């Protein structure tokens, strides 16, 4: 018998770090060459196959990163089961801001919220272009009990992996694997996260 759960998940972080690209990559399997700046928030329905018998339906919200929309963020992360806080590996200021987002959502939602810190634009982090040290973020994540992964929404690197890891943690907290929990059957599976070289997003 198939089991399923449903949750609200939110993407947070500064503008230009690649949140929309990550959302498109995981839900559509590609990134557009040109993506308009998110106004307010955008909704992406998604399903993750956690194991052969368990599917998690994800209501994924991609929030705007501009400061003028910051006051709207709480309505999207309030009561969310998970938050993916995204920063740009080639922009140290975006990581500093990401840590502020982590504090904000933790203060609002408490310790039961699954929070991941995601370093995007791994494909650009070559030579001296990398501004955020991976070990530094890893230690920060461990100290604050965060999931951590570096991704490339442009190439699809680790995009499926971070969403699956988050989904598994949500499932564990919601206990949707419990045979005593009644759920509707859902047959959808997680989409592929490979991108084509022709679909390149400047902000991805």
Protein backbone atom coordinates (compact mmCIF):
# COMPACT_ATOMS: atom_id res chain seq x y z
CA UNK A 1 0.00 0.00 0.00
CA UNK A 2 1.38 3.40 -1.00
CA UNK A 3 1.68 6.12 1.62
CA UNK A 4 1.97 9.85 1.14
CA UNK A 5 2.28 13.11 2.99
CA UNK A 6 2.10 16.75 2.06
CA UNK A 7 4.21 19.68 3.15
CA UNK A 8 5.01 23.30 2.50
CA UNK A 9 8.62 24.09 1.57
CA UNK A 10 10.09 27.51 0.91
CA UNK A 11 13.16 28.79 -0.95
CA UNK A 12 14.81 31.79 0.70
CA UNK A 13 17.85 33.92 -0.04
CA UNK A 14 19.05 37.07 -1.75
CA UNK A 15 18.07 38.00 -5.29
CA UNK A 16 20.23 36.47 -8.00
CA UNK A 17 21.41 33.42 -6.03
CA UNK A 18 19.44 31.01 -8.24
CA UNK A 19 16.34 30.14 -6.22
CA UNK A 20 14.04 30.19 -9.24
CA UNK A 21 16.56 28.15 -11.22
CA UNK A 22 16.61 25.51 -8.49
CA UNK A 23 12.80 25.44 -8.44
CA UNK A 24 12.64 25.00 -12.22
CA UNK A 25 15.41 22.43 -12.20
CA UNK A 26 13.71 20.18 -9.64
CA UNK A 27 10.15 20.57 -10.94
CA UNK A 28 10.71 20.85 -14.70
CA UNK A 29 14.11 19.26 -15.19
CA UNK A 30 15.70 22.30 -16.80
CA UNK A 31 16.55 25.97 -16.33
CA UNK A 32 15.34 28.69 -18.67
CA UNK A 33 17.90 30.82 -20.48
CA UNK A 34 16.18 33.94 -19.21
CA UNK A 35 14.27 34.03 -15.92
CA UNK A 36 12.45 37.13 -14.78
CA UNK A 37 13.01 38.31 -11.23
CA UNK A 38 10.45 36.80 -8.86
CA UNK A 39 7.83 39.28 -7.67
CA UNK A 40 6.48 38.32 -4.25
CA UNK A 41 6.60 34.55 -4.62
CA UNK A 42 6.05 31.80 -7.17
CA UNK A 43 4.44 28.41 -6.55
CA UNK A 44 5.81 25.10 -7.85
CA UNK A 45 4.00 21.81 -7.10
CA UNK A 46 6.37 18.87 -6.76
CA UNK A 47 6.37 15.24 -5.63
CA UNK A 48 9.33 13.32 -4.22
CA UNK A 49 9.48 9.51 -4.19
CA UNK A 50 11.15 8.88 -0.84
CA UNK A 51 11.07 5.09 -1.14
CA UNK A 52 9.08 2.56 -3.22
CA UNK A 53 6.05 2.96 -0.95
CA UNK A 54 6.24 6.61 0.13
CA UNK A 55 5.66 9.84 -1.78
CA UNK A 56 5.86 13.35 -0.35
CA UNK A 57 3.86 16.06 -2.11
CA UNK A 58 5.72 19.35 -1.82
CA UNK A 59 4.11 22.78 -2.11
CA UNK A 60 7.28 24.64 -3.09
CA UNK A 61 7.33 28.42 -2.73
CA UNK A 62 10.08 30.44 -4.40
CA UNK A 63 10.28 33.81 -2.63
CA UNK A 64 11.55 37.11 -3.98
CA UNK A 65 15.01 38.06 -2.74
CA UNK A 66 14.78 41.83 -3.10
CA UNK A 67 14.77 43.78 0.14
CA UNK A 68 11.49 45.51 -0.76
CA UNK A 69 9.73 42.12 -0.63
CA UNK A 70 11.32 40.99 2.63
CA UNK A 71 8.23 41.88 4.66
CA UNK A 72 6.20 39.41 2.59
CA UNK A 73 8.46 36.45 3.35
CA UNK A 74 6.86 35.46 6.69
CA UNK A 75 3.53 34.65 5.03
CA UNK A 76 5.33 32.06 2.90
CA UNK A 77 7.67 30.50 5.46
CA UNK A 78 5.13 30.53 8.29
CA UNK A 79 4.18 26.93 9.16
CA UNK A 80 6.52 25.58 6.47
CA UNK A 81 7.89 22.11 7.11
CA UNK A 82 11.19 23.00 5.44
CA UNK A 83 13.23 25.93 4.24
CA UNK A 84 16.09 25.87 1.74
CA UNK A 85 18.22 28.97 2.30
CA UNK A 86 20.24 29.61 -0.84
CA UNK A 87 23.45 31.60 -1.30
CA UNK A 88 25.78 32.17 -4.24
CA UNK A 89 29.16 30.47 -3.83
CA UNK A 90 30.76 33.32 -5.79
CA UNK A 91 29.24 36.03 -3.56
CA UNK A 92 30.31 36.18 0.09
CA UNK A 93 27.66 38.78 0.95
CA UNK A 94 24.92 36.36 -0.11
CA UNK A 95 26.20 33.86 2.47
CA UNK A 96 26.19 36.49 5.19
CA UNK A 97 22.59 37.26 4.29
CA UNK A 98 21.75 33.55 4.19
CA UNK A 99 22.78 33.22 7.83
CA UNK A 100 20.34 36.00 8.66
CA UNK A 101 17.58 34.11 6.86
CA UNK A 102 18.39 30.98 8.87
CA UNK A 103 18.04 32.91 12.14
CA UNK A 104 14.77 34.44 10.97
CA UNK A 105 13.03 31.21 9.95
CA UNK A 106 14.31 29.33 12.99
CA UNK A 107 12.97 32.05 15.28
CA UNK A 108 9.61 31.96 13.53
CA UNK A 109 9.12 28.22 13.07
CA UNK A 110 11.17 26.62 15.83
CA UNK A 111 13.46 23.58 15.82
CA UNK A 112 11.01 21.23 14.10
CA UNK A 113 11.45 22.99 10.78
CA UNK A 114 13.92 21.24 8.46
CA UNK A 115 16.41 23.87 7.29
CA UNK A 116 19.05 23.41 4.59
CA UNK A 117 21.77 25.83 3.58
CA UNK A 118 22.41 25.51 -0.16
CA UNK A 119 25.45 26.92 -1.94
CA UNK A 120 24.45 27.40 -5.57
CA UNK A 121 26.45 28.17 -8.75
CA UNK A 122 28.96 25.38 -8.16
CA UNK A 123 29.72 25.44 -11.89
CA UNK A 124 31.11 28.98 -11.53
CA UNK A 125 33.19 28.34 -8.41
CA UNK A 126 36.50 27.81 -10.17
CA UNK A 127 39.81 29.37 -9.21
CA UNK A 128 39.48 32.69 -7.44
CA UNK A 129 35.78 33.04 -8.34
CA UNK A 130 34.78 31.09 -5.25
CA UNK A 131 34.20 33.52 -2.38
CA UNK A 132 32.57 31.19 0.15
CA UNK A 133 34.70 28.43 1.67
CA UNK A 134 32.96 25.07 1.69
CA UNK A 135 34.53 23.99 4.99
CA UNK A 136 33.37 27.19 6.68
CA UNK A 137 29.78 26.54 5.61
CA UNK A 138 30.01 22.88 6.58
CA UNK A 139 31.09 23.83 10.10
CA UNK A 140 28.37 26.48 10.31
CA UNK A 141 25.77 23.92 9.21
CA UNK A 142 26.95 21.38 11.77
CA UNK A 143 26.90 23.94 14.59
CA UNK A 144 23.35 24.99 13.69
CA UNK A 145 22.00 21.52 12.82
CA UNK A 146 21.39 22.38 9.18
CA UNK A 147 21.51 20.24 6.09
CA UNK A 148 24.17 21.46 3.66
CA UNK A 149 24.94 20.86 0.02
CA UNK A 150 26.51 22.75 -2.88
CA UNK A 151 24.56 22.72 -6.13
CA UNK A 152 24.56 23.91 -9.71
CA UNK A 153 21.07 24.66 -10.97
CA UNK A 154 22.61 25.31 -14.38
CA UNK A 155 24.02 21.78 -14.68
CA UNK A 156 21.66 20.05 -12.25
CA UNK A 157 24.46 19.05 -9.85
CA UNK A 158 23.07 17.83 -6.50
CA UNK A 159 19.68 19.48 -7.05
CA UNK A 160 17.72 16.24 -6.83
CA UNK A 161 19.92 15.13 -3.94
CA UNK A 162 19.25 18.13 -1.70
CA UNK A 163 15.49 18.02 -2.28
CA UNK A 164 15.43 14.27 -1.59
CA UNK A 165 17.49 14.72 1.59
CA UNK A 166 15.14 17.45 2.80
CA UNK A 167 12.09 15.33 1.93
CA UNK A 168 13.43 12.38 3.90
CA UNK A 169 13.94 14.58 6.96
CA UNK A 170 10.42 15.95 6.61
CA UNK A 171 9.04 12.44 6.32
CA UNK A 172 10.90 11.37 9.44
CA UNK A 173 9.51 14.32 11.40
CA UNK A 174 5.97 13.84 10.10
CA UNK A 175 6.24 10.05 10.46
CA UNK A 176 4.57 9.50 7.11
CA UNK A 177 6.34 6.17 6.91
CA UNK A 178 4.20 4.94 9.79
CA UNK A 179 1.73 2.25 8.64
CA UNK A 180 -0.77 3.68 11.13
CA UNK A 181 -0.97 6.98 9.27
CA UNK A 182 -3.75 7.21 6.69
CA UNK A 183 -2.88 8.97 3.42
CA UNK A 184 -4.12 9.21 -0.14
CA UNK A 185 -2.19 7.21 -2.71
CA UNK A 186 0.04 9.28 -4.97
CA UNK A 187 1.95 7.76 -7.87
CA UNK A 188 4.07 10.75 -8.92
CA UNK A 189 7.86 10.49 -8.75
CA UNK A 190 10.62 13.05 -8.49
CA UNK A 191 11.60 14.47 -11.86
CA UNK A 192 15.09 14.27 -13.33
CA UNK A 193 17.35 17.21 -12.57
CA UNK A 194 19.64 17.04 -15.58
CA UNK A 195 19.80 20.24 -17.62
CA UNK A 196 20.73 20.82 -21.23
CA UNK A 197 23.72 22.96 -22.07
CA UNK A 198 21.54 25.17 -24.28
CA UNK A 199 19.29 26.16 -21.39
CA UNK A 200 21.56 28.46 -19.41
CA UNK A 201 20.33 30.96 -16.88
CA UNK A 202 22.56 33.88 -15.98
CA UNK A 203 21.36 33.82 -12.37
CA UNK A 204 21.53 30.04 -11.98
